[in-house]
Amino acid sequence: MDPIVKLGFIIAFSLFLLTCSQQHGEEDLYQAARRRMVKEDIQKRGIDDQRILQAMLKVKRHLFVPESYRPMAYADRPLPIGEGQTISQPYIVALMTYHLHLKPDDKVLEIGTGSGYQAAVLAELAKEVYSIEIIEQLARTAHERLQALGYTNVQVKSGDGFFGWPTHAPYDAVIITCATPTIPERLVEQLGEGGRMVLPLGAERFHQSLTVVTKRGGKIERRLITDVVFVPMTGEIGEGKK
């Protein structure tokens, strides 16, 4: 990130915290920032599911980014988390979660754990979350972070998400948080009847289509949501294999 842009975010957030401290006294300042994020960046853009809004309000995004980026944790933008990866902007996290239509008893498979933020949001809404991260260091750190935060209904492992996690299939929902040129057939196989998959679909590095896939009668239906930009999926599918 450009140092001037980063400095601007830090200054703006510092002014915001100062205003919050004057208005809210002892209220947690990060919580005030989350409230602003949920109201301005998520709710006003059409996400009206109260369970999702409450989950986004509860999960502390600043704990999922490097300390140097915490002043920018509640800005509606992706941030670096190391290993060349990023944490998605809050609105996109909420949007993808919204289209999963999760119920409290659902079982979810996530491909691309990253820092664990999306997994934590899912854990607030579903019964079980299974998350796969191909970068071992990120998987280890995310696992430790989620455990420390009390998310006992999340399991994380390091591996190639292309293969999914068949041990716990079928899943009610699958979310892929990295761009894939095709819909992974093995993940479709692990999706239960009536299940939903949300993924950034497209071969271009800086342009994909956020897509919802629904499995009905063993076949899939696709629906385009919006254009997005995600880091590419690596592993088998990154090599062009199906």
Protein backbone atom coordinates (compact mmCIF):
# COMPACT_ATOMS: atom_id res chain seq x y z
CA MET A 1 0.00 0.00 0.00
CA ASP A 2 1.18 3.51 -0.81
CA PRO A 3 2.67 5.00 2.43
CA ILE A 4 0.74 8.26 1.90
CA VAL A 5 -2.55 6.39 1.52
CA LYS A 6 -1.77 4.30 4.61
CA LEU A 7 -0.92 7.43 6.59
CA GLY A 8 -4.19 9.03 5.48
CA PHE A 9 -6.17 6.05 6.76
CA ILE A 10 -4.34 6.14 10.09
CA ILE A 11 -4.97 9.87 10.53
CA ALA A 12 -8.64 9.53 9.56
CA PHE A 13 -9.16 6.61 11.91
CA SER A 14 -7.37 8.41 14.75
CA LEU A 15 -9.73 11.37 14.32
CA PHE A 16 -12.66 8.96 14.27
CA LEU A 17 -11.49 7.33 17.51
CA LEU A 18 -11.08 10.74 19.11
CA THR A 19 -14.65 11.64 18.18
CA CYS A 20 -15.93 8.30 19.46
CA SER A 21 -14.09 8.65 22.74
CA GLN A 22 -15.70 12.06 23.28
CA GLN A 23 -19.16 10.75 22.40
CA HIS A 24 -19.13 7.30 23.99
CA GLY A 25 -16.80 7.60 26.95
CA GLU A 26 -15.70 4.11 27.99
CA GLU A 27 -17.37 2.31 25.08
CA ASP A 28 -14.94 0.11 23.25
CA LEU A 29 -13.58 2.26 20.40
CA TYR A 30 -13.21 -0.63 18.03
CA GLN A 31 -16.83 -1.54 18.68
CA ALA A 32 -17.80 1.99 17.66
CA ALA A 33 -15.80 1.51 14.47
CA ARG A 34 -17.59 -1.79 13.82
CA ARG A 35 -20.95 -0.11 14.32
CA ARG A 36 -20.04 2.51 11.73
CA MET A 37 -18.82 -0.23 9.37
CA VAL A 38 -22.01 -2.27 9.69
CA LYS A 39 -24.32 0.71 9.29
CA GLU A 40 -22.53 2.63 6.55
CA ASP A 41 -20.67 -0.03 4.54
CA ILE A 42 -22.98 -3.02 4.84
CA GLN A 43 -26.55 -2.20 5.88
CA LYS A 44 -26.87 0.88 3.67
CA ARG A 45 -25.71 -1.20 0.69
CA GLY A 46 -28.62 -3.62 0.96
CA ILE A 47 -27.55 -6.34 3.39
CA ASP A 48 -30.59 -6.52 5.67
CA ASP A 49 -30.24 -9.96 7.26
CA GLN A 50 -30.12 -9.21 10.99
CA ARG A 51 -28.15 -12.36 11.81
CA ILE A 52 -25.41 -11.33 9.40
CA LEU A 53 -25.38 -7.76 10.66
CA GLN A 54 -25.05 -8.99 14.24
CA ALA A 55 -22.24 -11.38 13.26
CA MET A 56 -20.34 -8.59 11.49
CA LEU A 57 -20.82 -6.41 14.53
CA LYS A 58 -19.58 -9.10 16.90
CA VAL A 59 -16.49 -10.42 15.08
CA LYS A 60 -13.47 -8.23 15.82
CA ARG A 61 -11.86 -7.70 12.43
CA HIS A 62 -8.91 -5.83 13.94
CA LEU A 63 -7.78 -9.10 15.55
CA PHE A 64 -7.51 -10.74 12.12
CA VAL A 65 -5.08 -8.26 10.52
CA PRO A 66 -1.43 -7.46 11.29
CA GLU A 67 -1.03 -4.97 14.11
CA SER A 68 0.31 -2.28 11.80
CA TYR A 69 -2.97 -2.36 9.84
CA ARG A 70 -5.33 -2.30 12.81
CA PRO A 71 -6.05 1.44 12.44
CA MET A 72 -7.55 0.52 9.03
CA ALA A 73 -9.32 -2.65 10.16
CA TYR A 74 -12.83 -1.24 9.79
CA ALA A 75 -12.33 0.56 6.50
CA ASP A 76 -14.28 -1.08 3.68
CA ARG A 77 -11.27 -2.39 1.83
CA PRO A 78 -9.09 -5.50 1.64
CA LEU A 79 -5.90 -5.49 3.71
CA PRO A 80 -2.66 -7.53 3.52
CA ILE A 81 -2.36 -10.46 5.94
CA GLY A 82 1.02 -11.77 4.81
CA GLU A 83 2.15 -14.50 2.40
CA GLY A 84 0.85 -12.40 -0.51
CA GLN A 85 -2.76 -12.82 0.67
CA THR A 86 -5.44 -10.37 1.77
CA ILE A 87 -8.47 -10.19 4.03
CA SER A 88 -11.56 -9.30 1.98
CA GLN A 89 -13.34 -5.99 2.45
CA PRO A 90 -16.17 -6.21 5.00
CA TYR A 91 -18.95 -5.59 2.48
CA ILE A 92 -17.79 -8.49 0.29
CA VAL A 93 -17.58 -10.77 3.34
CA ALA A 94 -21.16 -9.82 4.23
CA LEU A 95 -22.36 -10.13 0.63
CA MET A 96 -20.92 -13.62 0.12
CA THR A 97 -22.29 -14.73 3.47
CA TYR A 98 -25.71 -13.29 2.61
CA HIS A 99 -25.96 -15.42 -0.54
CA LEU A 100 -25.13 -18.61 1.37
CA HIS A 101 -28.50 -18.29 3.18
CA LEU A 102 -27.15 -20.05 6.25
CA LYS A 103 -29.34 -21.65 8.88
CA PRO A 104 -28.24 -22.37 12.48
CA ASP A 105 -27.90 -26.13 11.85
CA ASP A 106 -25.92 -25.82 8.60
CA LYS A 107 -22.52 -27.32 7.89
CA VAL A 108 -20.21 -25.09 5.83
CA LEU A 109 -17.03 -25.72 3.86
CA GLU A 110 -14.73 -22.75 3.29
CA ILE A 111 -11.90 -22.80 0.77
CA GLY A 112 -9.24 -20.21 1.60
CA THR A 113 -9.07 -19.62 5.36
CA GLY A 114 -6.68 -16.68 5.14
CA SER A 115 -6.64 -14.95 8.50
CA GLY A 116 -9.79 -16.75 9.67
CA TYR A 117 -12.09 -13.71 9.60
CA GLN A 118 -14.65 -15.13 7.17
CA ALA A 119 -14.61 -18.42 9.10
CA ALA A 120 -15.41 -16.55 12.32
CA VAL A 121 -18.38 -14.82 10.67
CA LEU A 122 -19.61 -18.18 9.36
CA ALA A 123 -19.19 -19.72 12.81
CA GLU A 124 -21.60 -17.15 14.23
CA LEU A 125 -24.28 -18.29 11.78
CA ALA A 126 -23.80 -22.03 11.23
CA LYS A 127 -23.38 -25.12 13.38
CA GLU A 128 -20.11 -26.39 11.86
CA VAL A 129 -17.44 -24.75 9.73
CA TYR A 130 -14.63 -26.64 7.99
CA SER A 131 -11.97 -24.42 6.45
CA ILE A 132 -9.02 -25.28 4.21
CA GLU A 133 -5.97 -23.08 3.61
CA ILE A 134 -3.22 -24.09 1.19
CA ILE A 135 -0.57 -21.92 2.88
CA GLU A 136 0.47 -23.84 5.97
CA GLN A 137 1.59 -20.83 8.01
CA LEU A 138 -1.70 -19.03 7.45
CA ALA A 139 -3.65 -22.18 8.34
CA ARG A 140 -1.71 -22.61 11.57
CA THR A 141 -2.09 -18.98 12.60
CA ALA A 142 -5.80 -18.89 11.74
CA HIS A 143 -6.42 -22.10 13.72
CA GLU A 144 -4.65 -20.71 16.78
CA ARG A 145 -6.48 -17.38 16.49
CA LEU A 146 -9.93 -18.95 16.13
CA GLN A 147 -9.32 -21.30 19.04
CA ALA A 148 -8.12 -18.43 21.22
CA LEU A 149 -11.30 -16.50 20.37
CA GLY A 150 -13.47 -19.45 21.41
CA TYR A 151 -14.66 -20.65 18.00
CA THR A 152 -14.89 -24.33 18.88
CA ASN A 153 -17.21 -25.05 15.94
CA VAL A 154 -14.50 -24.27 13.37
CA GLN A 155 -11.94 -26.77 12.13
CA VAL A 156 -9.00 -25.59 10.00
CA LYS A 157 -6.53 -27.68 8.05
CA SER A 158 -3.75 -26.99 5.59
CA GLY A 159 -4.30 -28.51 2.17
CA ASP A 160 -5.38 -28.00 -1.42
CA GLY A 161 -8.96 -26.73 -1.35
CA PHE A 162 -9.54 -28.13 -4.85
CA PHE A 163 -10.10 -31.53 -3.23
CA GLY A 164 -12.42 -30.21 -0.53
CA TRP A 165 -12.86 -32.08 2.75
CA PRO A 166 -14.85 -35.21 1.85
CA THR A 167 -14.72 -36.63 5.39
CA HIS A 168 -17.38 -34.18 6.55
CA ALA A 169 -19.46 -34.01 3.35
CA PRO A 170 -22.17 -33.35 2.36
CA TYR A 171 -22.17 -29.62 3.11
CA ASP A 172 -25.14 -27.29 3.16
CA ALA A 173 -22.98 -24.47 1.82
CA VAL A 174 -19.54 -23.98 0.27
CA ILE A 175 -17.73 -20.66 0.06
CA ILE A 176 -14.58 -20.11 -1.98
CA THR A 177 -12.64 -16.99 -1.03
CA CYS A 178 -10.18 -17.09 -3.90
CA ALA A 179 -10.75 -16.80 -7.64
CA THR A 180 -11.20 -19.97 -9.65
CA PRO A 181 -11.41 -20.25 -13.45
CA THR A 182 -13.99 -23.05 -13.26
CA ILE A 183 -16.45 -24.42 -10.73
CA PRO A 184 -14.52 -27.21 -8.96
CA GLU A 185 -16.37 -30.46 -9.67
CA ARG A 186 -15.15 -32.13 -6.49
CA LEU A 187 -16.63 -29.35 -4.39
CA VAL A 188 -19.94 -29.66 -6.25
CA GLU A 189 -19.89 -33.38 -5.41
CA GLN A 190 -19.47 -32.53 -1.73
CA LEU A 191 -22.35 -30.05 -1.80
CA GLY A 192 -25.63 -31.48 -0.54
CA GLU A 193 -28.90 -31.39 -2.47
CA GLY A 194 -30.27 -27.86 -2.35
CA GLY A 195 -26.88 -26.59 -1.17
CA ARG A 196 -25.41 -23.23 -2.14
CA MET A 197 -21.89 -22.39 -3.28
CA VAL A 198 -20.60 -18.80 -3.53
CA LEU A 199 -17.36 -18.15 -5.39
CA PRO A 200 -15.45 -15.57 -7.49
CA LEU A 201 -15.53 -17.19 -10.93
CA GLY A 202 -13.21 -16.20 -13.74
CA ALA A 203 -9.76 -16.77 -15.19
CA GLU A 204 -8.69 -13.10 -15.29
CA ARG A 205 -6.45 -12.07 -12.41
CA PHE A 206 -8.08 -8.68 -11.81
CA HIS A 207 -11.67 -9.40 -12.78
CA GLN A 208 -14.05 -12.16 -11.74
CA SER A 209 -17.79 -12.59 -11.30
CA LEU A 210 -19.17 -13.33 -7.87
CA THR A 211 -21.39 -16.30 -8.59
CA VAL A 212 -23.97 -18.31 -6.65
CA VAL A 213 -24.28 -21.98 -7.55
CA THR A 214 -27.27 -23.99 -6.32
CA LYS A 215 -27.37 -27.79 -6.57
CA ARG A 216 -30.75 -29.21 -7.54
CA GLY A 217 -31.42 -32.76 -8.69
CA GLY A 218 -27.71 -33.37 -9.00
CA LYS A 219 -27.33 -30.46 -11.43
CA ILE A 220 -26.16 -26.89 -10.80
CA GLU A 221 -27.81 -23.55 -11.43
CA ARG A 222 -25.69 -20.40 -11.68
CA ARG A 223 -26.55 -16.82 -10.82
CA LEU A 224 -24.26 -13.79 -11.24
CA ILE A 225 -24.14 -11.31 -8.36
CA THR A 226 -21.50 -8.69 -9.17
CA ASP A 227 -17.95 -8.14 -10.43
CA VAL A 228 -15.17 -8.70 -7.89
CA VAL A 229 -11.39 -8.99 -7.60
CA PHE A 230 -9.86 -11.85 -5.58
CA VAL A 231 -6.43 -13.42 -5.40
CA PRO A 232 -6.32 -16.59 -7.55
CA MET A 233 -6.83 -20.08 -6.20
CA THR A 234 -3.64 -22.13 -6.22
CA GLY A 235 -3.00 -25.86 -6.22
CA GLU A 236 -4.55 -28.28 -8.72
CA ILE A 237 -7.11 -25.84 -10.08
CA GLY A 238 -4.47 -23.12 -10.34
CA GLU A 239 -2.67 -25.40 -12.78
CA GLY A 240 -5.76 -25.60 -14.97
CA LYS A 241 -6.84 -29.10 -13.94
CA LYS A 242 -10.47 -30.08 -13.37
